[in-house]
Amino acid sequence: MRYFIEYIKTYKSVNKKGQALQDFVTPLEQYLVADELSLDALKANIENHIVQLNCVYPRSRPLVMDESRGRGYRVWTVWVQGDSDKIAALIYIKEVRGDIHFSVHDPLPSANAPERHAQSSAK
């Protein structure tokens, strides 16, 4: 399964730690993620960045990330631990249903399709 980072919602009322996190995740918007393993690696990378930010800014309350899932989508929420009203970022991820390809060539006939025969021009 492939995934698409559809939208990243950020909030203005954040401190330096929250702004640093937003600067880290915002460039990921509208990227295609190759597979589940890559998505897990991306999530771990963001979580590691959150841990680093919590160490750099020890006097502020720590940031945490939660994941919620629905049918065909995921939302990663980064917020201040202990205060779910203080959200730093929401990352909306959708499952890619498929691909659409355009071709100037006729598609190959399938096994169930009748064959096309050239018409004779002889009179």
Protein backbone atom coordinates (compact mmCIF):
# COMPACT_ATOMS: atom_id res chain seq x y z
CA MET A 1 0.00 0.00 0.00
CA ARG A 2 1.22 3.49 -0.83
CA TYR A 3 0.34 6.65 1.07
CA PHE A 4 -0.04 10.33 0.27
CA ILE A 5 0.64 13.08 2.80
CA GLU A 6 -2.35 15.12 1.79
CA TYR A 7 -2.31 18.05 4.17
CA ILE A 8 -0.41 19.37 7.18
CA LYS A 9 -2.30 21.73 9.46
CA THR A 10 -0.18 23.95 11.70
CA TYR A 11 -1.20 26.48 14.35
CA LYS A 12 0.23 29.95 14.92
CA SER A 13 0.05 30.04 18.72
CA VAL A 14 3.08 27.84 19.41
CA ASN A 15 6.39 28.44 21.18
CA LYS A 16 9.88 28.01 19.65
CA LYS A 17 9.70 24.24 20.12
CA GLY A 18 6.38 24.04 18.29
CA GLN A 19 7.69 26.29 15.51
CA ALA A 20 10.78 24.08 15.11
CA LEU A 21 8.53 21.03 14.79
CA GLN A 22 6.33 22.80 12.22
CA ASP A 23 9.41 23.76 10.21
CA PHE A 24 10.42 20.08 10.21
CA VAL A 25 7.08 18.57 9.09
CA THR A 26 5.64 21.25 6.77
CA PRO A 27 7.91 20.39 3.79
CA LEU A 28 6.49 16.83 3.81
CA GLU A 29 3.09 18.01 2.55
CA GLN A 30 1.89 16.40 -0.71
CA TYR A 31 4.58 13.72 -0.75
CA LEU A 32 3.98 10.14 -1.85
CA VAL A 33 5.19 7.46 0.58
CA ALA A 34 6.23 4.24 -1.15
CA ASP A 35 4.99 1.62 1.33
CA GLU A 36 4.09 0.77 4.94
CA LEU A 37 7.75 0.37 5.91
CA SER A 38 8.58 3.85 4.60
CA LEU A 39 5.59 5.31 6.45
CA ASP A 40 6.74 3.66 9.69
CA ALA A 41 10.25 5.04 9.14
CA LEU A 42 8.84 8.53 8.56
CA LYS A 43 6.76 8.30 11.73
CA ALA A 44 9.83 7.15 13.71
CA ASN A 45 11.85 10.01 12.23
CA ILE A 46 9.25 12.57 13.37
CA GLU A 47 9.04 10.95 16.82
CA ASN A 48 12.85 11.09 17.13
CA HIS A 49 12.78 14.76 16.16
CA ILE A 50 10.17 15.38 18.86
CA VAL A 51 12.42 13.67 21.43
CA GLN A 52 15.33 15.89 20.34
CA LEU A 53 13.18 19.02 20.60
CA ASN A 54 12.04 17.98 24.07
CA CYS A 55 15.73 17.74 25.07
CA VAL A 56 16.65 21.08 23.49
CA TYR A 57 13.72 22.84 25.20
CA PRO A 58 13.53 21.13 28.62
CA ARG A 59 11.74 23.99 30.41
CA SER A 60 8.59 23.71 28.30
CA ARG A 61 6.13 20.84 28.48
CA PRO A 62 6.99 17.92 26.19
CA LEU A 63 5.41 17.35 22.80
CA VAL A 64 3.90 13.97 22.00
CA MET A 65 2.51 12.40 18.83
CA ASP A 66 -0.61 10.25 18.57
CA GLU A 67 -2.06 8.43 15.60
CA SER A 68 -5.70 7.95 14.75
CA ARG A 69 -6.95 5.82 11.88
CA GLY A 70 -10.07 5.69 9.84
CA ARG A 71 -11.12 3.98 6.69
CA GLY A 72 -8.41 4.83 4.17
CA TYR A 73 -6.71 7.58 6.15
CA ARG A 74 -4.52 8.34 9.15
CA VAL A 75 -3.98 11.48 11.19
CA TRP A 76 -0.83 12.09 13.20
CA THR A 77 -1.43 14.71 15.89
CA VAL A 78 1.47 16.45 17.61
CA TRP A 79 0.38 18.21 20.80
CA VAL A 80 1.54 19.33 24.21
CA GLN A 81 1.49 16.43 26.67
CA GLY A 82 -1.34 16.85 29.17
CA ASP A 83 -3.19 19.51 27.15
CA SER A 84 -4.91 18.16 24.05
CA ASP A 85 -6.14 21.67 23.20
CA LYS A 86 -2.56 22.79 22.45
CA ILE A 87 -1.89 21.22 19.07
CA ALA A 88 1.31 21.98 17.16
CA ALA A 89 0.52 20.05 13.95
CA LEU A 90 -1.93 17.67 12.32
CA ILE A 91 -0.60 15.46 9.52
CA TYR A 92 -3.29 13.97 7.25
CA ILE A 93 -2.25 10.82 5.37
CA LYS A 94 -4.41 8.97 2.83
CA GLU A 95 -4.00 5.54 1.31
CA VAL A 96 -3.41 5.64 -2.45
CA ARG A 97 -6.16 3.68 -4.17
CA GLY A 98 -4.42 3.23 -7.50
CA ASP A 99 -2.80 4.84 -10.51
CA ILE A 100 -4.20 6.25 -13.73
CA HIS A 101 -1.94 6.06 -16.77
CA PHE A 102 -2.48 7.55 -20.19
CA SER A 103 -1.22 5.78 -23.27
CA VAL A 104 -1.39 6.81 -26.93
CA HIS A 105 -1.29 3.14 -27.96
CA ASP A 106 -4.29 0.85 -28.03
CA PRO A 107 -4.37 -1.46 -25.05
CA LEU A 108 -3.57 -5.09 -25.70
CA PRO A 109 -6.70 -7.17 -26.28
CA SER A 110 -7.76 -9.18 -23.28
CA ALA A 111 -8.57 -12.87 -23.44
CA ASN A 112 -12.33 -12.16 -23.35
CA ALA A 113 -12.36 -9.35 -25.92
CA PRO A 114 -13.21 -10.20 -29.54
CA GLU A 115 -10.33 -9.78 -31.95
CA ARG A 116 -10.38 -6.98 -34.50
CA HIS A 117 -10.02 -8.01 -38.12
CA ALA A 118 -8.84 -5.75 -40.87
CA GLN A 119 -11.53 -5.15 -43.47
CA SER A 120 -10.66 -6.06 -46.99
CA SER A 121 -10.64 -3.24 -49.48
CA ALA A 122 -11.05 -5.62 -52.47
CA LYS A 123 -14.18 -5.11 -54.53
